[in-house]
Amino acid sequence: MNFDGIIIGLISFLIIGLFHPIVIKGEYYFSKRIWPIFLVVGIVFLALSLYVDNSIFTASLGVIGFSCLWSIKEIFEQEERVKKGWYPKKPR
């Protein structure tokens, strides 16, 4: 039996779940100005995924990379959610 698909699915689920609080805390502490960090980290992880032979590891790096890139969009949406009062605003 090949469990690679199940393992990759579980890892993807955990990574995506981990990025939800990272986006919330990132926007809270650094505002939307943190987005370039997500861009650079995402590109780095995607580039690393090109050079790894292990299918589980390369898929995990790709998921992290694209999760970073998706988080850029979420950072800007998180700012809107804070304006609506759905999340606390950091006192400045």
N, C-alpha and C. Protein backbone atom coordinates (compact mmCIF):
# COMPACT_ATOMS: atom_id res chain seq x y z
N MET A 1 0.83 -1.19 0.00
CA MET A 1 0.00 0.00 0.00
C MET A 1 0.88 1.25 0.00
N ASN A 2 0.36 2.27 -0.66
CA ASN A 2 1.07 3.54 -0.73
C ASN A 2 0.31 4.57 0.10
N PHE A 3 0.93 5.04 1.16
CA PHE A 3 0.28 5.99 2.06
C PHE A 3 0.70 7.43 1.79
N ASP A 4 1.45 7.67 0.72
CA ASP A 4 1.95 9.02 0.45
C ASP A 4 0.81 10.03 0.34
N GLY A 5 -0.25 9.69 -0.36
CA GLY A 5 -1.37 10.62 -0.54
C GLY A 5 -2.02 10.98 0.78
N ILE A 6 -2.20 10.01 1.65
CA ILE A 6 -2.82 10.27 2.95
C ILE A 6 -1.90 11.13 3.80
N ILE A 7 -0.61 10.83 3.77
CA ILE A 7 0.36 11.62 4.55
C ILE A 7 0.42 13.05 4.05
N ILE A 8 0.47 13.23 2.73
CA ILE A 8 0.51 14.57 2.15
C ILE A 8 -0.78 15.33 2.49
N GLY A 9 -1.91 14.66 2.42
CA GLY A 9 -3.18 15.29 2.78
C GLY A 9 -3.19 15.75 4.23
N LEU A 10 -2.70 14.91 5.13
CA LEU A 10 -2.66 15.26 6.54
C LEU A 10 -1.71 16.43 6.78
N ILE A 11 -0.54 16.38 6.17
CA ILE A 11 0.42 17.48 6.31
C ILE A 11 -0.16 18.78 5.75
N SER A 12 -0.84 18.71 4.61
CA SER A 12 -1.47 19.90 4.02
C SER A 12 -2.52 20.47 4.95
N PHE A 13 -3.33 19.61 5.52
CA PHE A 13 -4.37 20.04 6.47
C PHE A 13 -3.74 20.76 7.65
N LEU A 14 -2.66 20.21 8.20
CA LEU A 14 -2.00 20.81 9.36
C LEU A 14 -1.34 22.14 9.01
N ILE A 15 -0.70 22.21 7.85
CA ILE A 15 -0.04 23.45 7.43
C ILE A 15 -1.06 24.55 7.22
N ILE A 16 -2.13 24.25 6.52
CA ILE A 16 -3.17 25.26 6.27
C ILE A 16 -3.79 25.71 7.58
N GLY A 17 -4.02 24.76 8.48
CA GLY A 17 -4.56 25.11 9.80
C GLY A 17 -3.61 25.97 10.60
N LEU A 18 -2.33 25.76 10.44
CA LEU A 18 -1.32 26.54 11.15
C LEU A 18 -1.25 27.98 10.63
N PHE A 19 -1.49 28.16 9.35
CA PHE A 19 -1.39 29.50 8.76
C PHE A 19 -2.54 30.41 9.18
N HIS A 20 -3.66 29.87 9.59
CA HIS A 20 -4.78 30.71 10.02
C HIS A 20 -4.37 31.59 11.20
N PRO A 21 -3.85 31.03 12.30
CA PRO A 21 -3.43 31.91 13.40
C PRO A 21 -2.19 32.76 13.06
N ILE A 22 -1.33 32.27 12.17
CA ILE A 22 -0.17 33.07 11.78
C ILE A 22 -0.62 34.36 11.10
N VAL A 23 -1.62 34.27 10.24
CA VAL A 23 -2.14 35.45 9.56
C VAL A 23 -2.78 36.40 10.57
N ILE A 24 -3.56 35.87 11.48
CA ILE A 24 -4.24 36.71 12.48
C ILE A 24 -3.22 37.43 13.35
N LYS A 25 -2.26 36.69 13.88
CA LYS A 25 -1.24 37.30 14.75
C LYS A 25 -0.32 38.23 13.96
N GLY A 26 0.01 37.86 12.73
CA GLY A 26 0.86 38.71 11.91
C GLY A 26 0.22 40.06 11.65
N GLU A 27 -1.07 40.05 11.32
CA GLU A 27 -1.77 41.31 11.06
C GLU A 27 -1.91 42.10 12.36
N TYR A 28 -2.15 41.42 13.47
CA TYR A 28 -2.34 42.10 14.75
C TYR A 28 -1.07 42.82 15.17
N TYR A 29 0.07 42.15 15.11
CA TYR A 29 1.32 42.72 15.60
C TYR A 29 2.05 43.60 14.59
N PHE A 30 1.91 43.31 13.29
CA PHE A 30 2.70 44.01 12.28
C PHE A 30 1.87 44.74 11.22
N SER A 31 0.57 44.61 11.26
CA SER A 31 -0.36 45.16 10.27
C SER A 31 -0.12 44.50 8.91
N LYS A 32 -0.73 45.04 7.88
CA LYS A 32 -0.62 44.40 6.56
C LYS A 32 0.77 44.59 5.95
N ARG A 33 1.62 45.38 6.60
CA ARG A 33 2.98 45.61 6.07
C ARG A 33 3.84 44.35 6.11
N ILE A 34 3.34 43.29 6.70
CA ILE A 34 4.10 42.04 6.79
C ILE A 34 4.03 41.22 5.49
N TRP A 35 3.21 41.65 4.55
CA TRP A 35 2.99 40.83 3.36
C TRP A 35 4.26 40.53 2.56
N PRO A 36 5.26 41.42 2.47
CA PRO A 36 6.46 41.04 1.70
C PRO A 36 7.21 39.85 2.30
N ILE A 37 7.12 39.67 3.60
CA ILE A 37 7.77 38.52 4.22
C ILE A 37 7.10 37.24 3.74
N PHE A 38 5.78 37.24 3.68
CA PHE A 38 5.06 36.07 3.16
C PHE A 38 5.44 35.80 1.70
N LEU A 39 5.63 36.86 0.92
CA LEU A 39 6.01 36.71 -0.48
C LEU A 39 7.39 36.05 -0.61
N VAL A 40 8.37 36.56 0.10
CA VAL A 40 9.73 36.03 0.02
C VAL A 40 9.78 34.59 0.52
N VAL A 41 9.16 34.34 1.67
CA VAL A 41 9.18 32.99 2.24
C VAL A 41 8.46 32.01 1.31
N GLY A 42 7.35 32.45 0.72
CA GLY A 42 6.62 31.59 -0.22
C GLY A 42 7.46 31.23 -1.43
N ILE A 43 8.13 32.21 -2.00
CA ILE A 43 8.98 31.95 -3.16
C ILE A 43 10.14 31.02 -2.80
N VAL A 44 10.72 31.24 -1.63
CA VAL A 44 11.84 30.38 -1.19
C VAL A 44 11.38 28.94 -1.04
N PHE A 45 10.24 28.72 -0.40
CA PHE A 45 9.75 27.35 -0.21
C PHE A 45 9.39 26.70 -1.54
N LEU A 46 8.81 27.46 -2.45
CA LEU A 46 8.49 26.90 -3.77
C LEU A 46 9.76 26.55 -4.53
N ALA A 47 10.77 27.39 -4.43
CA ALA A 47 12.04 27.09 -5.10
C ALA A 47 12.69 25.85 -4.48
N LEU A 48 12.66 25.75 -3.16
CA LEU A 48 13.22 24.57 -2.50
C LEU A 48 12.51 23.30 -2.92
N SER A 49 11.20 23.40 -3.12
CA SER A 49 10.43 22.21 -3.49
C SER A 49 10.86 21.65 -4.84
N LEU A 50 11.47 22.48 -5.67
CA LEU A 50 11.94 22.02 -6.99
C LEU A 50 13.16 21.11 -6.90
N TYR A 51 13.88 21.19 -5.80
CA TYR A 51 15.15 20.47 -5.68
C TYR A 51 15.11 19.27 -4.74
N VAL A 52 13.93 18.91 -4.26
CA VAL A 52 13.80 17.80 -3.32
C VAL A 52 13.25 16.58 -4.06
N ASP A 53 13.83 15.42 -3.82
CA ASP A 53 13.40 14.20 -4.50
C ASP A 53 12.27 13.48 -3.79
N ASN A 54 12.19 13.59 -2.48
CA ASN A 54 11.16 12.89 -1.71
C ASN A 54 9.79 13.50 -1.99
N SER A 55 8.83 12.69 -2.42
CA SER A 55 7.52 13.21 -2.83
C SER A 55 6.76 13.84 -1.67
N ILE A 56 6.86 13.28 -0.49
CA ILE A 56 6.14 13.84 0.66
C ILE A 56 6.76 15.18 1.04
N PHE A 57 8.08 15.23 1.09
CA PHE A 57 8.77 16.46 1.50
C PHE A 57 8.59 17.57 0.47
N THR A 58 8.69 17.24 -0.82
CA THR A 58 8.53 18.27 -1.84
C THR A 58 7.10 18.80 -1.88
N ALA A 59 6.12 17.92 -1.67
CA ALA A 59 4.73 18.37 -1.62
C ALA A 59 4.50 19.27 -0.41
N SER A 60 5.11 18.92 0.71
CA SER A 60 4.97 19.74 1.92
C SER A 60 5.58 21.12 1.72
N LEU A 61 6.75 21.18 1.09
CA LEU A 61 7.36 22.47 0.81
C LEU A 61 6.49 23.30 -0.14
N GLY A 62 5.91 22.65 -1.13
CA GLY A 62 5.01 23.35 -2.05
C GLY A 62 3.77 23.88 -1.35
N VAL A 63 3.22 23.09 -0.46
CA VAL A 63 2.02 23.53 0.28
C VAL A 63 2.37 24.72 1.17
N ILE A 64 3.53 24.67 1.83
CA ILE A 64 3.95 25.80 2.65
C ILE A 64 4.15 27.04 1.78
N GLY A 65 4.79 26.87 0.63
CA GLY A 65 5.02 27.99 -0.27
C GLY A 65 3.72 28.64 -0.73
N PHE A 66 2.79 27.82 -1.19
CA PHE A 66 1.53 28.39 -1.66
C PHE A 66 0.67 28.91 -0.51
N SER A 67 0.82 28.33 0.66
CA SER A 67 0.10 28.86 1.83
C SER A 67 0.62 30.24 2.19
N CYS A 68 1.92 30.44 2.06
CA CYS A 68 2.50 31.77 2.28
C CYS A 68 1.94 32.77 1.27
N LEU A 69 1.89 32.38 0.01
CA LEU A 69 1.38 33.28 -1.02
C LEU A 69 -0.11 33.57 -0.81
N TRP A 70 -0.88 32.58 -0.42
CA TRP A 70 -2.31 32.77 -0.15
C TRP A 70 -2.49 33.68 1.06
N SER A 71 -1.56 33.61 2.01
CA SER A 71 -1.65 34.42 3.22
C SER A 71 -1.54 35.90 2.93
N ILE A 72 -0.92 36.27 1.82
CA ILE A 72 -0.85 37.68 1.43
C ILE A 72 -2.27 38.21 1.25
N LYS A 73 -3.07 37.48 0.53
CA LYS A 73 -4.46 37.86 0.33
C LYS A 73 -5.20 37.89 1.66
N GLU A 74 -4.95 36.89 2.49
CA GLU A 74 -5.63 36.80 3.78
C GLU A 74 -5.24 37.93 4.72
N ILE A 75 -4.00 38.40 4.64
CA ILE A 75 -3.56 39.52 5.48
C ILE A 75 -4.42 40.76 5.19
N PHE A 76 -4.63 41.04 3.92
CA PHE A 76 -5.44 42.20 3.55
C PHE A 76 -6.90 41.99 3.94
N GLU A 77 -7.40 40.78 3.81
CA GLU A 77 -8.77 40.50 4.23
C GLU A 77 -8.89 40.54 5.75
N GLN A 78 -7.84 40.15 6.45
CA GLN A 78 -7.86 40.21 7.91
C GLN A 78 -7.98 41.65 8.39
N GLU A 79 -7.32 42.55 7.68
CA GLU A 79 -7.43 43.97 8.03
C GLU A 79 -8.90 44.43 7.93
N GLU A 80 -9.59 43.97 6.91
CA GLU A 80 -11.01 44.31 6.75
C GLU A 80 -11.85 43.67 7.86
N ARG A 81 -11.53 42.45 8.24
CA ARG A 81 -12.27 41.79 9.32
C ARG A 81 -12.08 42.53 10.64
N VAL A 82 -10.88 43.07 10.85
CA VAL A 82 -10.63 43.85 12.07
C VAL A 82 -11.45 45.14 12.02
N LYS A 83 -11.51 45.79 10.87
CA LYS A 83 -12.31 47.02 10.73
C LYS A 83 -13.79 46.76 11.01
N LYS A 84 -14.26 45.57 10.65
CA LYS A 84 -15.66 45.21 10.90
C LYS A 84 -15.90 44.83 12.36
N GLY A 85 -14.83 44.67 13.12
CA GLY A 85 -14.97 44.33 14.52
C GLY A 85 -15.02 42.83 14.79
N TRP A 86 -14.72 42.03 13.81
CA TRP A 86 -14.75 40.58 13.99
C TRP A 86 -13.55 40.08 14.78
N TYR A 87 -12.45 40.84 14.72
CA TYR A 87 -11.22 40.50 15.44
C TYR A 87 -10.75 41.74 16.17
N PRO A 88 -10.03 41.57 17.28
CA PRO A 88 -9.58 42.74 18.04
C PRO A 88 -8.53 43.55 17.28
N LYS A 89 -8.59 44.85 17.50
CA LYS A 89 -7.61 45.76 16.91
C LYS A 89 -6.54 46.03 17.95
N LYS A 90 -5.29 46.02 17.50
CA LYS A 90 -4.19 46.28 18.42
C LYS A 90 -4.18 47.77 18.75
N PRO A 91 -4.15 48.09 20.04
CA PRO A 91 -4.06 49.52 20.40
C PRO A 91 -2.70 50.06 19.96
N ARG A 92 -2.69 51.15 19.26
CA ARG A 92 -1.44 51.69 18.73
C ARG A 92 -1.03 52.92 19.52
